[in-house]
Amino acid sequence: MRRRVIQLVSCFLLCTHISIAQKLLTVKEAIAIALENNYDIKLFQNNLKVAQQNVTPGNAGMLPTVTGNFTQNNSVSNSNQTQATGEVRSLDNAKNNSLNYGVSVGWTVFDGLGMFSRYETLKELQKQGEVELQRSVVTRISDVISTYYTIVEQQNLLMAIDTSIEISRERLRTSENRFSIGKASRLEVLNVQVNLNTDESNRIKQANTVKNLKIALNNLLARDLQQEFSVVEEVNIDETLKLGDMLELAKANNPDLILISINRRLAELDEKTIRANRYPTVRLNGGYNFSESESSLGFVAQSQSRGLTYGVTASVNIFDGFNQRRNERIAKLRIENADLQIAQTNLQIETEISQAYNVYRTNLALVDIEERNEQIARQNLNITLEKYKIGTLSAVEFRDAQENFINAVSRFNAAKTQAKLSETLLMELIGKIEL
């Protein structure tokens, strides 16, 4: 029995559990699938494409507009006309036709420079779309990593339970053999059987937990929810992160900070656009038109004309009920609010990073403690095995040592997972996750 148990424990500790029926999915592969399929990312990509399409001089009002016109009117009527000489003229079913067509051009050449501020606004909105896409990507990557390594933790716990089941089965066989030769009581056999049933019940619950987590990850990857896969068993943690570096990187990469800066710039451009209304608007107009008319009754039976039309239109706002002044004051207040939001967001991000970093360092310390605790629990299990073999230890006492070992292994895996999750949270707050 001792050799069998040691083999099982060693197999578990070396993480050589291999899933033959399931394909291994690495965290990098999971992220690649999510970036390609995730619905939220696709939505932000389309929003960015819309913003990119909007960045044109024409959308800002900087280019002329050309319009083609065509009008034709026809009428049939009974007409009576009394001429100045007293002559009366009558005609039934008199026809009157008119035809007009041409091209007109309009171009706003000056609007108080409002067209330039609108163009800059469109560029800033494109940047806003890019940052929102970046934030969506970072959030989805963080979600995938967190869910993936939670599966790793729960899968390792499932392996620990499998190990416990095998140990309990070996103990049951040993107890039955000892009972058959009169060296153990029936009560000991029953206790071991209860322990085995408990382990098997725990395994069913744990397997369900793992399955549901895999469904959650498949959902993030936007693929078949029932698709089976296996995960890695080791958790690699970056232990070199420094708080000062994190804070500096956040200033350059955190999407929330960048978005707040863009919002301030948009507020400034909005103020410029509003101020442009104080100045005159000058618009050039021109066109080429052709017109033709026919009349069955009248002095002119038929006429035609064609030629150029051109001119200039200028307008200026003289008084609009003080709305211009009100709008300018509101624009200034929006800029002040943007400055306050920048300061507030900077402080909030710094607070969150500092807190997350403390959690990260704490989890690293817990990893070291739980690793040593797992080694001690393994040594204790080996010693207990020797005593149980020679009959100087009861099944209940051995069960305690068995559970202590499994719990120690589980806590060690949980500590590594939590350290990885806290590292991922730091990267998400920075706004840049590197694998």
Protein backbone atom coordinates (compact mmCIF):
# COMPACT_ATOMS: atom_id res chain seq x y z
CA MET A 1 0.00 0.00 0.00
CA ARG A 2 2.76 2.45 0.90
CA ARG A 3 4.35 2.14 -2.55
CA ARG A 4 0.98 2.61 -4.23
CA VAL A 5 0.11 5.75 -2.24
CA ILE A 6 3.54 7.31 -2.78
CA GLN A 7 3.18 6.72 -6.52
CA LEU A 8 -0.19 8.45 -6.56
CA VAL A 9 1.07 11.40 -4.51
CA SER A 10 4.19 11.81 -6.62
CA CYS A 11 2.13 11.68 -9.78
CA PHE A 12 -0.08 14.45 -8.43
CA LEU A 13 2.78 16.63 -7.24
CA LEU A 14 4.63 16.39 -10.56
CA CYS A 15 1.45 17.39 -12.42
CA THR A 16 1.67 14.62 -14.99
CA HIS A 17 -2.04 14.20 -15.30
CA ILE A 18 -2.73 14.08 -19.06
CA SER A 19 -6.12 14.41 -20.70
CA ILE A 20 -6.07 12.19 -23.78
CA ALA A 21 -9.59 12.85 -25.01
CA GLN A 22 -9.35 16.64 -24.72
CA LYS A 23 -7.19 19.06 -26.64
CA LEU A 24 -4.87 21.26 -24.59
CA LEU A 25 -5.84 24.93 -24.70
CA THR A 26 -3.10 27.33 -23.63
CA VAL A 27 -3.88 30.77 -22.26
CA LYS A 28 -2.30 32.41 -25.34
CA GLU A 29 -4.52 30.36 -27.63
CA ALA A 30 -7.57 31.26 -25.55
CA ILE A 31 -6.74 34.97 -25.80
CA ALA A 32 -6.20 34.71 -29.57
CA ILE A 33 -9.60 33.06 -30.01
CA ALA A 34 -11.28 35.69 -27.82
CA LEU A 35 -9.72 38.57 -29.76
CA GLU A 36 -11.01 37.05 -32.97
CA ASN A 37 -14.50 36.02 -31.86
CA ASN A 38 -15.58 38.01 -28.80
CA TYR A 39 -18.76 39.97 -29.51
CA ASP A 40 -17.86 42.99 -27.36
CA ILE A 41 -14.57 43.42 -29.21
CA LYS A 42 -16.33 43.16 -32.58
CA LEU A 43 -18.83 45.83 -31.52
CA PHE A 44 -16.06 48.23 -30.51
CA GLN A 45 -14.20 47.47 -33.75
CA ASN A 46 -17.28 48.45 -35.75
CA ASN A 47 -17.73 51.60 -33.66
CA LEU A 48 -14.13 52.52 -34.43
CA LYS A 49 -14.72 51.98 -38.15
CA VAL A 50 -17.70 54.35 -37.96
CA ALA A 51 -15.53 57.00 -36.28
CA GLN A 52 -12.82 56.52 -38.91
CA GLN A 53 -15.34 56.96 -41.72
CA ASN A 54 -16.55 60.19 -40.14
CA VAL A 55 -13.13 61.87 -40.23
CA THR A 56 -13.45 63.71 -43.55
CA PRO A 57 -13.20 67.42 -44.48
CA GLY A 58 -16.65 67.18 -46.01
CA ASN A 59 -18.21 65.98 -42.76
CA ALA A 60 -16.64 68.98 -41.04
CA GLY A 61 -18.18 71.37 -43.59
CA MET A 62 -14.90 72.31 -45.29
CA LEU A 63 -15.79 71.29 -48.86
CA PRO A 64 -18.34 72.68 -51.33
CA THR A 65 -21.62 70.96 -52.06
CA VAL A 66 -22.86 70.35 -55.61
CA THR A 67 -26.54 69.71 -56.28
CA GLY A 68 -28.28 68.72 -59.49
CA ASN A 69 -31.81 70.06 -59.97
CA PHE A 70 -34.55 69.01 -62.36
CA THR A 71 -38.15 70.28 -62.39
CA GLN A 72 -40.91 69.74 -64.95
CA ASN A 73 -44.48 71.04 -64.60
CA ASN A 74 -47.35 70.41 -66.99
CA SER A 75 -50.96 71.60 -66.94
CA VAL A 76 -54.08 71.33 -69.09
CA SER A 77 -56.86 73.84 -68.41
CA ASN A 78 -59.72 75.79 -69.95
CA SER A 79 -58.63 79.45 -70.06
CA ASN A 80 -60.42 82.79 -70.61
CA GLN A 81 -58.35 85.94 -70.97
CA THR A 82 -59.51 89.55 -71.33
CA GLN A 83 -56.87 91.68 -72.97
CA ALA A 84 -56.22 95.34 -72.18
CA THR A 85 -57.89 96.22 -75.47
CA GLY A 86 -61.09 94.53 -74.35
CA GLU A 87 -60.56 91.53 -76.56
CA VAL A 88 -61.63 88.25 -74.94
CA ARG A 89 -59.64 85.11 -75.74
CA SER A 90 -60.78 81.63 -74.80
CA LEU A 91 -59.18 78.22 -75.26
CA ASP A 92 -60.24 74.83 -73.99
CA ASN A 93 -57.62 72.28 -73.01
CA ALA A 94 -54.88 74.88 -73.07
CA LYS A 95 -51.50 73.36 -72.35
CA ASN A 96 -48.79 75.00 -70.24
CA ASN A 97 -45.38 73.30 -69.81
CA SER A 98 -42.23 74.37 -67.99
CA LEU A 99 -38.88 72.63 -67.69
CA ASN A 100 -35.96 73.61 -65.46
CA TYR A 101 -32.71 71.81 -64.81
CA GLY A 102 -29.18 72.70 -63.82
CA VAL A 103 -26.37 72.42 -61.29
CA SER A 104 -25.91 74.58 -58.20
CA VAL A 105 -22.76 74.91 -56.10
CA GLY A 106 -22.49 76.18 -52.53
CA TRP A 107 -19.32 76.62 -50.49
CA THR A 108 -18.92 78.04 -47.01
CA VAL A 109 -15.53 79.73 -47.17
CA PHE A 110 -15.59 81.23 -43.67
CA ASP A 111 -17.59 80.36 -40.54
CA GLY A 112 -15.41 81.76 -37.79
CA LEU A 113 -13.00 78.78 -38.15
CA GLY A 114 -15.72 76.50 -36.82
CA MET A 115 -15.11 73.99 -39.62
CA PHE A 116 -11.54 73.45 -38.42
CA SER A 117 -12.58 72.82 -34.81
CA ARG A 118 -15.23 70.37 -36.07
CA TYR A 119 -12.60 68.53 -38.09
CA GLU A 120 -10.34 68.27 -35.03
CA THR A 121 -13.35 67.01 -33.05
CA LEU A 122 -13.85 64.20 -35.55
CA LYS A 123 -10.18 63.21 -35.15
CA GLU A 124 -10.52 63.15 -31.37
CA LEU A 125 -13.64 60.99 -31.65
CA GLN A 126 -11.61 58.54 -33.73
CA LYS A 127 -8.95 58.46 -30.99
CA GLN A 128 -11.72 57.92 -28.47
CA GLY A 129 -12.91 54.89 -30.46
CA GLU A 130 -9.38 53.50 -30.58
CA VAL A 131 -8.95 53.82 -26.81
CA GLU A 132 -12.37 52.29 -26.12
CA LEU A 133 -11.41 49.35 -28.33
CA GLN A 134 -8.12 49.05 -26.44
CA ARG A 135 -9.97 49.08 -23.13
CA SER A 136 -12.37 46.41 -24.37
CA VAL A 137 -9.46 44.25 -25.53
CA VAL A 138 -7.62 44.60 -22.21
CA THR A 139 -10.79 43.82 -20.25
CA ARG A 140 -11.56 40.74 -22.32
CA ILE A 141 -7.96 39.49 -22.06
CA SER A 142 -8.11 39.97 -18.29
CA ASP A 143 -11.41 38.08 -18.15
CA VAL A 144 -9.98 35.22 -20.19
CA ILE A 145 -6.83 34.97 -18.05
CA SER A 146 -8.79 35.09 -14.80
CA THR A 147 -11.28 32.45 -15.94
CA TYR A 148 -8.54 30.27 -17.42
CA TYR A 149 -6.42 30.17 -14.27
CA THR A 150 -9.51 29.68 -12.10
CA ILE A 151 -10.10 26.55 -14.17
CA VAL A 152 -6.48 25.57 -13.55
CA GLU A 153 -6.99 25.94 -9.80
CA GLN A 154 -10.24 24.00 -9.76
CA GLN A 155 -8.85 21.34 -12.09
CA ASN A 156 -5.88 20.83 -9.76
CA LEU A 157 -8.29 20.55 -6.85
CA LEU A 158 -10.16 17.90 -8.83
CA MET A 159 -6.87 16.05 -9.30
CA ALA A 160 -6.26 16.27 -5.56
CA ILE A 161 -9.65 14.70 -4.94
CA ASP A 162 -8.83 11.96 -7.47
CA THR A 163 -5.65 11.27 -5.54
CA SER A 164 -7.61 11.14 -2.30
CA ILE A 165 -10.05 8.68 -3.85
CA GLU A 166 -7.24 6.35 -4.92
CA ILE A 167 -5.68 6.54 -1.46
CA SER A 168 -9.05 5.78 0.15
CA ARG A 169 -9.56 2.80 -2.16
CA GLU A 170 -6.16 1.42 -1.19
CA ARG A 171 -7.00 1.99 2.48
CA LEU A 172 -10.30 0.17 2.03
CA ARG A 173 -8.59 -2.85 0.49
CA THR A 174 -6.00 -2.86 3.27
CA SER A 175 -8.67 -2.54 5.96
CA GLU A 176 -10.67 -5.41 4.47
CA ASN A 177 -7.57 -7.59 4.34
CA ARG A 178 -6.75 -6.76 7.95
CA PHE A 179 -10.34 -7.47 8.97
CA SER A 180 -10.25 -10.84 7.20
CA ILE A 181 -7.23 -11.93 9.27
CA GLY A 182 -8.60 -10.46 12.51
CA LYS A 183 -6.25 -7.51 12.83
CA ALA A 184 -8.93 -4.84 12.31
CA SER A 185 -12.50 -4.35 13.39
CA ARG A 186 -15.54 -4.07 11.20
CA LEU A 187 -15.93 -0.49 12.42
CA GLU A 188 -12.60 0.47 10.86
CA VAL A 189 -13.70 -0.92 7.50
CA LEU A 190 -16.96 1.00 7.67
CA ASN A 191 -15.16 4.24 8.53
CA VAL A 192 -12.86 3.86 5.54
CA GLN A 193 -15.87 3.13 3.31
CA VAL A 194 -17.53 6.35 4.53
CA ASN A 195 -14.34 8.27 3.75
CA LEU A 196 -14.28 6.85 0.22
CA ASN A 197 -17.93 7.74 -0.35
CA THR A 198 -17.26 11.29 0.85
CA ASP A 199 -14.34 11.66 -1.57
CA GLU A 200 -16.42 10.39 -4.48
CA SER A 201 -19.26 12.78 -3.60
CA ASN A 202 -16.80 15.69 -3.46
CA ARG A 203 -15.44 14.70 -6.83
CA ILE A 204 -18.87 14.89 -8.47
CA LYS A 205 -19.38 18.40 -7.10
CA GLN A 206 -15.89 19.51 -8.11
CA ALA A 207 -16.24 18.09 -11.62
CA ASN A 208 -19.43 20.12 -12.02
CA THR A 209 -17.58 23.27 -10.92
CA VAL A 210 -14.86 22.68 -13.52
CA LYS A 211 -17.42 22.01 -16.23
CA ASN A 212 -19.31 25.24 -15.53
CA LEU A 213 -16.07 27.24 -15.55
CA LYS A 214 -15.20 25.77 -18.95
CA ILE A 215 -18.62 26.82 -20.23
CA ALA A 216 -17.91 30.35 -18.95
CA LEU A 217 -14.56 30.41 -20.79
CA ASN A 218 -16.15 29.11 -24.00
CA ASN A 219 -18.65 31.95 -23.69
CA LEU A 220 -15.81 34.49 -23.50
CA LEU A 221 -14.29 32.85 -26.57
CA ALA A 222 -17.67 33.03 -28.37
CA ARG A 223 -17.58 29.40 -29.45
CA ASP A 224 -19.51 26.19 -28.78
CA LEU A 225 -20.25 26.22 -25.05
CA GLN A 226 -19.89 22.45 -24.79
CA GLN A 227 -16.51 22.26 -26.52
CA GLU A 228 -14.15 20.22 -24.39
CA PHE A 229 -10.55 21.17 -23.69
CA SER A 230 -7.87 20.71 -21.07
CA VAL A 231 -5.74 23.39 -19.42
CA VAL A 232 -2.15 23.62 -18.29
CA GLU A 233 -1.34 22.61 -14.72
CA GLU A 234 1.42 25.08 -13.88
CA VAL A 235 0.87 28.75 -13.08
CA ASN A 236 3.71 31.07 -14.06
CA ILE A 237 3.82 34.25 -11.96
CA ASP A 238 5.83 37.38 -12.68
CA GLU A 239 7.41 38.24 -9.31
CA THR A 240 9.38 41.27 -10.59
CA LEU A 241 6.62 43.91 -10.67
CA LYS A 242 7.45 47.21 -8.95
CA LEU A 243 4.90 49.73 -7.70
CA GLY A 244 6.71 52.76 -9.12
CA ASP A 245 6.90 51.18 -12.57
CA MET A 246 3.22 50.31 -12.43
CA LEU A 247 2.20 53.87 -11.65
CA GLU A 248 4.34 55.32 -14.44
CA LEU A 249 3.03 52.83 -17.01
CA ALA A 250 -0.54 53.58 -15.99
CA LYS A 251 -0.10 57.28 -16.77
CA ALA A 252 0.78 56.42 -20.36
CA ASN A 253 -1.44 53.39 -21.00
CA ASN A 254 -4.49 53.38 -18.72
CA PRO A 255 -7.52 53.72 -21.05
CA ASP A 256 -9.61 55.60 -18.49
CA LEU A 257 -6.93 58.27 -18.08
CA ILE A 258 -6.52 58.58 -21.83
CA LEU A 259 -10.29 58.86 -22.35
CA ILE A 260 -10.54 61.61 -19.74
CA SER A 261 -7.80 63.56 -21.55
CA ILE A 262 -9.64 63.12 -24.84
CA ASN A 263 -12.85 64.34 -23.24
CA ARG A 264 -11.07 67.50 -22.08
CA ARG A 265 -9.78 68.10 -25.59
CA LEU A 266 -13.31 67.61 -26.94
CA ALA A 267 -14.58 70.18 -24.45
CA GLU A 268 -11.99 72.68 -25.67
CA LEU A 269 -12.94 72.08 -29.30
CA ASP A 270 -16.60 72.43 -28.44
CA GLU A 271 -15.87 75.84 -26.95
CA LYS A 272 -14.06 76.88 -30.15
CA THR A 273 -16.98 75.72 -32.27
CA ILE A 274 -19.40 77.72 -30.14
CA ARG A 275 -17.23 80.84 -30.28
CA ALA A 276 -17.18 80.59 -34.08
CA ASN A 277 -20.84 81.59 -34.06
CA ARG A 278 -19.79 85.11 -33.07
CA TYR A 279 -18.20 85.66 -36.47
CA PRO A 280 -19.85 86.12 -39.89
CA THR A 281 -20.54 83.18 -42.14
CA VAL A 282 -19.58 83.73 -45.78
CA ARG A 283 -20.88 81.39 -48.44
CA LEU A 284 -20.24 81.39 -52.20
CA ASN A 285 -23.08 80.34 -54.48
CA GLY A 286 -23.08 79.49 -58.16
CA GLY A 287 -24.69 77.33 -60.77
CA TYR A 288 -25.66 76.75 -64.36
CA ASN A 289 -29.36 76.45 -65.19
CA PHE A 290 -31.54 75.80 -68.23
CA SER A 291 -35.25 76.64 -68.39
CA GLU A 292 -37.90 76.17 -71.06
CA SER A 293 -41.62 77.01 -71.09
CA GLU A 294 -44.53 76.59 -73.49
CA SER A 295 -47.98 78.16 -73.33
CA SER A 296 -50.92 77.56 -75.64
CA LEU A 297 -52.52 80.86 -74.65
CA GLY A 298 -50.52 83.96 -73.86
CA PHE A 299 -48.25 86.63 -75.25
CA VAL A 300 -45.23 84.26 -75.24
CA ALA A 301 -45.91 80.88 -76.76
CA GLN A 302 -42.44 79.47 -76.02
CA SER A 303 -39.31 80.63 -74.27
CA GLN A 304 -35.87 79.23 -73.38
CA SER A 305 -33.03 80.48 -71.21
CA ARG A 306 -29.70 79.15 -69.98
CA GLY A 307 -26.69 80.56 -68.22
CA LEU A 308 -24.60 81.00 -65.11
CA THR A 309 -25.73 82.22 -61.72
CA TYR A 310 -23.30 83.29 -59.02
CA GLY A 311 -23.15 85.32 -55.88
CA VAL A 312 -22.09 85.55 -52.27
CA THR A 313 -24.07 85.31 -49.04
CA ALA A 314 -22.89 86.68 -45.71
CA SER A 315 -24.70 86.47 -42.38
CA VAL A 316 -23.84 87.34 -38.81
CA ASN A 317 -25.60 86.68 -35.54
CA ILE A 318 -26.56 90.04 -34.02
CA PHE A 319 -28.82 88.94 -31.18
CA ASP A 320 -30.13 85.49 -30.24
CA GLY A 321 -31.58 86.06 -26.80
CA PHE A 322 -28.17 85.80 -25.07
CA ASN A 323 -27.93 82.12 -26.04
CA GLN A 324 -24.43 82.61 -27.45
CA ARG A 325 -23.13 83.91 -24.13
CA ARG A 326 -24.91 81.12 -22.26
CA ASN A 327 -23.43 78.43 -24.51
CA GLU A 328 -19.92 79.83 -24.08
CA ARG A 329 -20.25 79.79 -20.29
CA ILE A 330 -21.47 76.20 -20.36
CA ALA A 331 -18.51 75.21 -22.57
CA LYS A 332 -16.07 76.71 -20.05
CA LEU A 333 -17.74 74.83 -17.21
CA ARG A 334 -17.37 71.59 -19.16
CA ILE A 335 -13.64 72.24 -19.47
CA GLU A 336 -13.42 72.82 -15.71
CA ASN A 337 -15.32 69.59 -15.09
CA ALA A 338 -12.93 67.75 -17.39
CA ASP A 339 -9.97 69.05 -15.35
CA LEU A 340 -11.63 67.87 -12.14
CA GLN A 341 -12.33 64.45 -13.65
CA ILE A 342 -8.69 64.12 -14.71
CA ALA A 343 -7.51 64.80 -11.16
CA GLN A 344 -10.14 62.49 -9.69
CA THR A 345 -9.39 59.64 -12.09
CA ASN A 346 -5.64 59.96 -11.55
CA LEU A 347 -6.13 59.63 -7.81
CA GLN A 348 -8.56 56.72 -8.23
CA ILE A 349 -6.25 54.80 -10.56
CA GLU A 350 -3.27 55.38 -8.26
CA THR A 351 -5.33 54.13 -5.31
CA GLU A 352 -6.49 51.00 -7.14
CA ILE A 353 -2.98 50.17 -8.36
CA SER A 354 -1.51 50.65 -4.87
CA GLN A 355 -4.14 48.41 -3.32
CA ALA A 356 -3.80 45.79 -6.05
CA TYR A 357 -0.02 45.82 -5.65
CA ASN A 358 -0.33 45.17 -1.91
CA VAL A 359 -2.63 42.23 -2.65
CA TYR A 360 -0.13 41.01 -5.25
CA ARG A 361 2.79 41.09 -2.77
CA THR A 362 0.67 39.43 -0.10
CA ASN A 363 -0.29 36.61 -2.45
CA LEU A 364 3.36 36.07 -3.41
CA ALA A 365 4.19 35.69 0.29
CA LEU A 366 1.31 33.23 0.70
CA VAL A 367 2.64 31.16 -2.20
CA ASP A 368 5.95 30.69 -0.38
CA ILE A 369 4.21 29.78 2.90
CA GLU A 370 1.78 27.32 1.29
CA GLU A 371 4.58 25.69 -0.69
CA ARG A 372 6.48 24.96 2.53
CA ASN A 373 3.28 23.83 4.20
CA GLU A 374 2.60 21.40 1.35
CA GLN A 375 6.08 19.88 1.76
CA ILE A 376 5.52 19.45 5.51
CA ALA A 377 2.12 17.83 4.89
CA ARG A 378 3.68 15.39 2.46
CA GLN A 379 6.35 14.40 4.98
CA ASN A 380 3.65 13.96 7.60
CA LEU A 381 1.66 11.71 5.25
CA ASN A 382 4.69 9.50 4.62
CA ILE A 383 5.33 9.10 8.35
CA THR A 384 1.66 8.36 8.96
CA LEU A 385 1.76 5.72 6.23
CA GLU A 386 4.56 3.89 8.03
CA LYS A 387 2.65 3.89 11.30
CA TYR A 388 -0.58 2.81 9.64
CA LYS A 389 1.23 -0.04 7.92
CA ILE A 390 2.51 -1.55 11.19
CA GLY A 391 -0.84 -1.01 12.89
CA THR A 392 0.20 1.67 15.40
CA LEU A 393 -2.15 4.28 13.87
CA SER A 394 -5.92 4.15 13.47
CA ALA A 395 -7.80 4.70 10.23
CA VAL A 396 -9.26 7.91 11.63
CA GLU A 397 -5.82 9.34 12.39
CA PHE A 398 -4.59 8.35 8.95
CA ARG A 399 -7.64 10.05 7.43
CA ASP A 400 -6.70 13.26 9.22
CA ALA A 401 -3.21 13.14 7.73
CA GLN A 402 -4.66 12.37 4.31
CA GLU A 403 -7.05 15.31 4.45
CA ASN A 404 -4.31 17.63 5.74
CA PHE A 405 -2.14 16.74 2.78
CA ILE A 406 -4.92 17.24 0.21
CA ASN A 407 -5.92 20.55 1.83
CA ALA A 408 -2.31 21.72 1.83
CA VAL A 409 -1.95 20.93 -1.87
CA SER A 410 -5.24 22.69 -2.59
CA ARG A 411 -4.21 25.80 -0.64
CA PHE A 412 -0.89 25.88 -2.47
CA ASN A 413 -2.66 25.78 -5.85
CA ALA A 414 -5.16 28.40 -4.70
CA ALA A 415 -2.34 30.70 -3.53
CA LYS A 416 -0.61 30.46 -6.91
CA THR A 417 -3.85 31.17 -8.72
CA GLN A 418 -4.67 34.19 -6.56
CA ALA A 419 -1.17 35.55 -7.13
CA LYS A 420 -1.67 35.21 -10.87
CA LEU A 421 -5.08 36.89 -10.71
CA SER A 422 -3.68 39.82 -8.72
CA GLU A 423 -0.87 40.15 -11.28
CA THR A 424 -3.48 40.18 -14.06
CA LEU A 425 -5.51 42.85 -12.25
CA LEU A 426 -2.41 45.05 -12.04
CA MET A 427 -1.82 44.67 -15.76
CA GLU A 428 -5.46 45.53 -16.47
CA LEU A 429 -5.24 48.69 -14.36
CA ILE A 430 -2.10 49.68 -16.24
CA GLY A 431 -3.93 49.11 -19.49
CA LYS A 432 -1.34 46.86 -21.05
CA ILE A 433 -1.25 43.07 -20.67
CA GLU A 434 1.82 41.33 -22.08
CA LEU A 435 2.13 37.56 -22.31
